[in-house]
Amino acid sequence: MLNIADTLYDWCRKGRPFALATVVEDRGSARLRPGTAVAVSGDGSAEGNVFGACVGSAVHSLCGQVLADRAAPARVAFGCSDPHPSPQGLICGGEIDILVQYVAPHTQAPLASALASHAEGRSLALAQIVDGPGELVGRILHIPDEGAHVGTLGTADDDRAIVAHAREVLKAGSTARIEASGAGGSGVCVRTRNLSVLVHVLVPPGALSTVDPRMAGV
């Protein structure tokens, strides 16, 4: 999401609704890394580099539909494993999953807060639920490197677990996905729910030297 943070901040300041499409998983030889994002506003303006891929037109169409319907977040897979290839297949031979969600800035305080902090030159993590219970998919937490987080998953236990792991990802310096399970895998205890969380690392330009080169600009 770092690749379009400045535009998203501008749209949030102006209260402009938009559809946000985020690569949440890649497999095989896909060239778009998790965290890469594109946004489309109500007037059709688009920002981001997902459209540089062969799935661009399909993603643009999905964004338009989500904007028009103010629809619930939708996760869509694109790849070459389908036995009936379509124009939306990846010519690189890999597969990607994209989460498309409607964002109304006045109701998405965690995202607006995170983007404002990033614009002020602060490092932060932005935790985005990309798989799990339907009511949580698309939910976002703003997690600064220190201090209180913004947003909630509904319970203090859930929030504490995700915040702790997101801060570890922030320290590592590159966008990554974490899996949280009620079974307590990897030290995570999130009640009985399974959550897949994409942790976006947003850092000031001067801190990019600490980021995995493959993730720079994501």
Protein backbone atom coordinates (compact mmCIF):
# COMPACT_ATOMS: atom_id res chain seq x y z
CA MET A 1 0.00 0.00 0.00
CA LEU A 2 3.04 2.22 0.38
CA ASN A 3 3.04 2.61 -3.40
CA ILE A 4 -0.14 4.73 -3.29
CA ALA A 5 -0.07 6.09 0.28
CA ASP A 6 0.19 9.74 -0.75
CA THR A 7 -2.85 9.55 -3.04
CA LEU A 8 -4.91 7.66 -0.46
CA TYR A 9 -4.04 10.29 2.13
CA ASP A 10 -5.19 13.05 -0.22
CA TRP A 11 -8.46 11.27 -0.97
CA CYS A 12 -9.10 10.63 2.73
CA ARG A 13 -8.47 14.29 3.59
CA LYS A 14 -11.00 15.29 0.93
CA GLY A 15 -13.50 12.66 2.06
CA ARG A 16 -13.52 10.95 -1.37
CA PRO A 17 -14.82 7.35 -1.29
CA PHE A 18 -12.75 4.86 -3.24
CA ALA A 19 -12.30 1.17 -3.94
CA LEU A 20 -9.05 -0.32 -2.71
CA ALA A 21 -7.64 -3.41 -4.45
CA THR A 22 -4.75 -5.11 -2.66
CA VAL A 23 -2.64 -8.10 -3.68
CA VAL A 24 -2.93 -10.31 -0.60
CA GLU A 25 -1.25 -13.51 -1.81
CA ASP A 26 1.06 -14.54 -4.63
CA ARG A 27 2.00 -18.01 -5.85
CA GLY A 28 4.42 -19.30 -8.42
CA SER A 29 6.06 -16.75 -10.69
CA ALA A 30 3.60 -13.90 -10.08
CA ARG A 31 5.41 -10.56 -10.23
CA LEU A 32 3.08 -8.56 -7.99
CA ARG A 33 4.07 -8.83 -4.34
CA PRO A 34 1.57 -8.89 -1.45
CA GLY A 35 0.80 -5.36 -0.34
CA THR A 36 0.87 -3.91 -3.86
CA ALA A 37 -2.30 -1.88 -4.20
CA VAL A 38 -4.41 0.18 -6.56
CA ALA A 39 -7.29 2.50 -5.77
CA VAL A 40 -10.11 3.82 -7.93
CA SER A 41 -12.15 6.85 -6.89
CA GLY A 42 -15.74 7.64 -7.74
CA ASP A 43 -14.77 9.77 -10.73
CA GLY A 44 -12.77 6.91 -12.24
CA SER A 45 -9.33 8.21 -11.25
CA ALA A 46 -6.94 5.34 -10.58
CA GLU A 47 -3.64 5.10 -8.73
CA GLY A 48 -1.30 2.15 -8.31
CA ASN A 49 0.59 -0.41 -10.34
CA VAL A 50 -1.75 -3.41 -10.32
CA PHE A 51 -2.90 -2.10 -13.69
CA GLY A 52 0.56 -2.80 -15.07
CA ALA A 53 -0.36 -6.49 -14.88
CA CYS A 54 -2.49 -8.45 -17.29
CA VAL A 55 -5.36 -8.50 -14.79
CA GLY A 56 -5.71 -4.72 -14.89
CA SER A 57 -9.00 -4.37 -16.72
CA ALA A 58 -10.68 -7.01 -14.56
CA VAL A 59 -9.50 -5.34 -11.34
CA HIS A 60 -10.67 -1.94 -12.59
CA SER A 61 -14.09 -3.44 -13.33
CA LEU A 62 -14.29 -5.00 -9.86
CA CYS A 63 -13.37 -1.70 -8.26
CA GLY A 64 -16.09 0.07 -10.21
CA GLN A 65 -18.65 -2.50 -9.15
CA VAL A 66 -17.65 -2.29 -5.47
CA LEU A 67 -17.85 1.51 -5.63
CA ALA A 68 -21.26 1.51 -7.28
CA ASP A 69 -22.76 -1.07 -4.90
CA ARG A 70 -20.78 -0.14 -1.77
CA ALA A 71 -20.36 -3.87 -1.65
CA ALA A 72 -18.74 -6.02 1.00
CA PRO A 73 -15.04 -6.85 0.47
CA ALA A 74 -14.44 -9.50 -2.20
CA ARG A 75 -11.36 -11.70 -2.60
CA VAL A 76 -10.71 -12.83 -6.17
CA ALA A 77 -8.04 -15.17 -7.55
CA PHE A 78 -6.27 -14.70 -10.88
CA GLY A 79 -3.94 -17.24 -12.43
CA CYS A 80 -3.19 -19.91 -15.00
CA SER A 81 -4.33 -22.99 -13.07
CA ASP A 82 -7.91 -22.68 -14.33
CA PRO A 83 -8.51 -25.44 -16.93
CA HIS A 84 -10.50 -22.86 -18.91
CA PRO A 85 -8.08 -19.96 -19.42
CA SER A 86 -9.56 -16.49 -19.62
CA PRO A 87 -8.26 -13.04 -20.54
CA GLN A 88 -7.76 -12.47 -16.82
CA GLY A 89 -5.07 -15.16 -16.55
CA LEU A 90 -1.49 -14.21 -15.67
CA ILE A 91 0.85 -14.47 -18.62
CA CYS A 92 3.76 -14.80 -16.15
CA GLY A 93 2.40 -18.21 -15.12
CA GLY A 94 1.83 -17.37 -11.46
CA GLU A 95 -1.27 -16.74 -9.40
CA ILE A 96 -2.39 -13.83 -7.23
CA ASP A 97 -5.31 -13.17 -4.90
CA ILE A 98 -6.67 -9.62 -4.77
CA LEU A 99 -8.94 -8.19 -2.07
CA VAL A 100 -11.21 -5.39 -3.29
CA GLN A 101 -13.02 -3.27 -0.71
CA TYR A 102 -15.08 -0.10 -0.52
CA VAL A 103 -13.58 2.66 1.61
CA ALA A 104 -15.55 5.64 2.91
CA PRO A 105 -12.94 7.79 4.70
CA HIS A 106 -15.35 9.03 7.38
CA THR A 107 -16.04 5.45 8.47
CA GLN A 108 -12.48 4.12 8.10
CA ALA A 109 -10.70 6.02 10.87
CA PRO A 110 -7.81 3.53 11.23
CA LEU A 111 -6.81 3.89 7.57
CA ALA A 112 -7.15 7.68 7.60
CA SER A 113 -5.14 7.85 10.82
CA ALA A 114 -2.39 5.61 9.44
CA LEU A 115 -2.08 7.63 6.24
CA ALA A 116 -1.92 10.91 8.18
CA SER A 117 0.84 9.52 10.41
CA HIS A 118 2.76 8.31 7.37
CA ALA A 119 2.45 11.77 5.79
CA GLU A 120 4.02 13.19 8.97
CA GLY A 121 7.03 10.92 8.50
CA ARG A 122 6.20 8.30 11.12
CA SER A 123 6.84 4.58 10.76
CA LEU A 124 3.84 2.33 11.28
CA ALA A 125 2.19 -0.97 10.50
CA LEU A 126 -1.26 -1.25 8.98
CA ALA A 127 -2.89 -4.62 9.66
CA GLN A 128 -5.51 -5.61 7.09
CA ILE A 129 -7.69 -8.69 7.62
CA VAL A 130 -7.63 -10.54 4.30
CA ASP A 131 -9.25 -13.84 5.27
CA GLY A 132 -11.45 -14.97 8.14
CA PRO A 133 -15.00 -14.32 9.36
CA GLY A 134 -16.91 -12.27 6.80
CA GLU A 135 -17.59 -9.39 9.17
CA LEU A 136 -13.84 -8.94 9.76
CA VAL A 137 -12.48 -9.20 6.21
CA GLY A 138 -11.23 -5.79 5.14
CA ARG A 139 -11.02 -4.52 8.73
CA ILE A 140 -7.93 -2.38 9.32
CA LEU A 141 -5.84 -1.54 12.39
CA HIS A 142 -3.36 1.35 12.53
CA ILE A 143 -0.41 0.25 14.64
CA PRO A 144 2.27 2.88 15.38
CA ASP A 145 5.75 1.78 16.37
CA GLU A 146 4.82 2.80 19.91
CA GLY A 147 1.68 3.97 21.68
CA ALA A 148 -1.95 3.01 21.29
CA HIS A 149 -3.32 1.45 18.11
CA VAL A 150 -6.36 2.76 16.23
CA GLY A 151 -9.22 0.42 15.34
CA THR A 152 -10.51 -2.86 16.72
CA LEU A 153 -11.34 -6.40 15.67
CA GLY A 154 -14.10 -6.53 18.25
CA THR A 155 -12.29 -7.97 21.27
CA ALA A 156 -9.29 -6.87 23.30
CA ASP A 157 -7.72 -10.36 22.99
CA ASP A 158 -7.87 -10.24 19.20
CA ASP A 159 -6.46 -6.73 19.12
CA ARG A 160 -3.56 -7.50 21.46
CA ALA A 161 -2.52 -10.58 19.49
CA ILE A 162 -2.55 -8.88 16.10
CA VAL A 163 -0.90 -5.69 17.38
CA ALA A 164 1.96 -7.65 18.97
CA HIS A 165 2.69 -9.59 15.80
CA ALA A 166 2.28 -6.54 13.56
CA ARG A 167 4.90 -4.70 15.59
CA GLU A 168 7.30 -7.59 15.03
CA VAL A 169 6.68 -7.30 11.29
CA LEU A 170 7.27 -3.54 11.50
CA LYS A 171 10.61 -4.16 13.22
CA ALA A 172 11.57 -6.62 10.46
CA GLY A 173 10.95 -3.82 7.96
CA SER A 174 8.91 -5.44 5.17
CA THR A 175 5.27 -6.11 4.41
CA ALA A 176 4.30 -9.67 5.35
CA ARG A 177 1.28 -11.87 6.02
CA ILE A 178 0.67 -13.51 9.37
CA GLU A 179 -1.70 -16.32 10.21
CA ALA A 180 -3.53 -16.17 13.53
CA SER A 181 -5.33 -19.19 14.93
CA GLY A 182 -7.37 -19.97 18.01
CA ALA A 183 -5.22 -23.09 18.27
CA GLY A 184 -2.39 -20.83 19.39
CA GLY A 185 0.04 -21.57 16.57
CA SER A 186 3.24 -19.50 16.66
CA GLY A 187 2.24 -18.14 20.04
CA VAL A 188 -0.90 -16.46 18.73
CA CYS A 189 -4.17 -16.84 20.59
CA VAL A 190 -7.14 -15.23 18.88
CA ARG A 191 -10.02 -16.93 20.65
CA THR A 192 -11.47 -19.56 18.26
CA ARG A 193 -11.22 -17.57 15.06
CA ASN A 194 -8.71 -18.08 12.26
CA LEU A 195 -7.47 -14.86 10.71
CA SER A 196 -5.11 -14.14 7.83
CA VAL A 197 -3.64 -10.68 8.26
CA LEU A 198 -1.58 -8.71 5.76
CA VAL A 199 0.68 -6.35 7.67
CA HIS A 200 1.68 -3.38 5.53
CA VAL A 201 4.86 -1.63 6.62
CA LEU A 202 4.75 2.11 5.94
CA VAL A 203 8.04 3.86 6.57
CA PRO A 204 9.42 7.32 5.72
CA PRO A 205 11.56 7.51 2.55
CA GLY A 206 14.75 7.74 4.61
CA ALA A 207 14.00 4.42 6.28
CA LEU A 208 13.56 2.42 3.08
CA SER A 209 17.11 1.05 3.37
CA THR A 210 15.78 -1.26 6.09
CA VAL A 211 13.11 -2.74 3.86
CA ASP A 212 13.46 -5.95 1.88
CA PRO A 213 14.35 -4.70 -1.66
CA ARG A 214 11.60 -6.86 -3.15
CA MET A 215 9.02 -4.96 -1.09
CA ALA A 216 10.23 -1.41 -1.68
CA GLY A 217 7.35 0.68 -2.98
CA VAL A 218 4.73 -1.84 -1.81
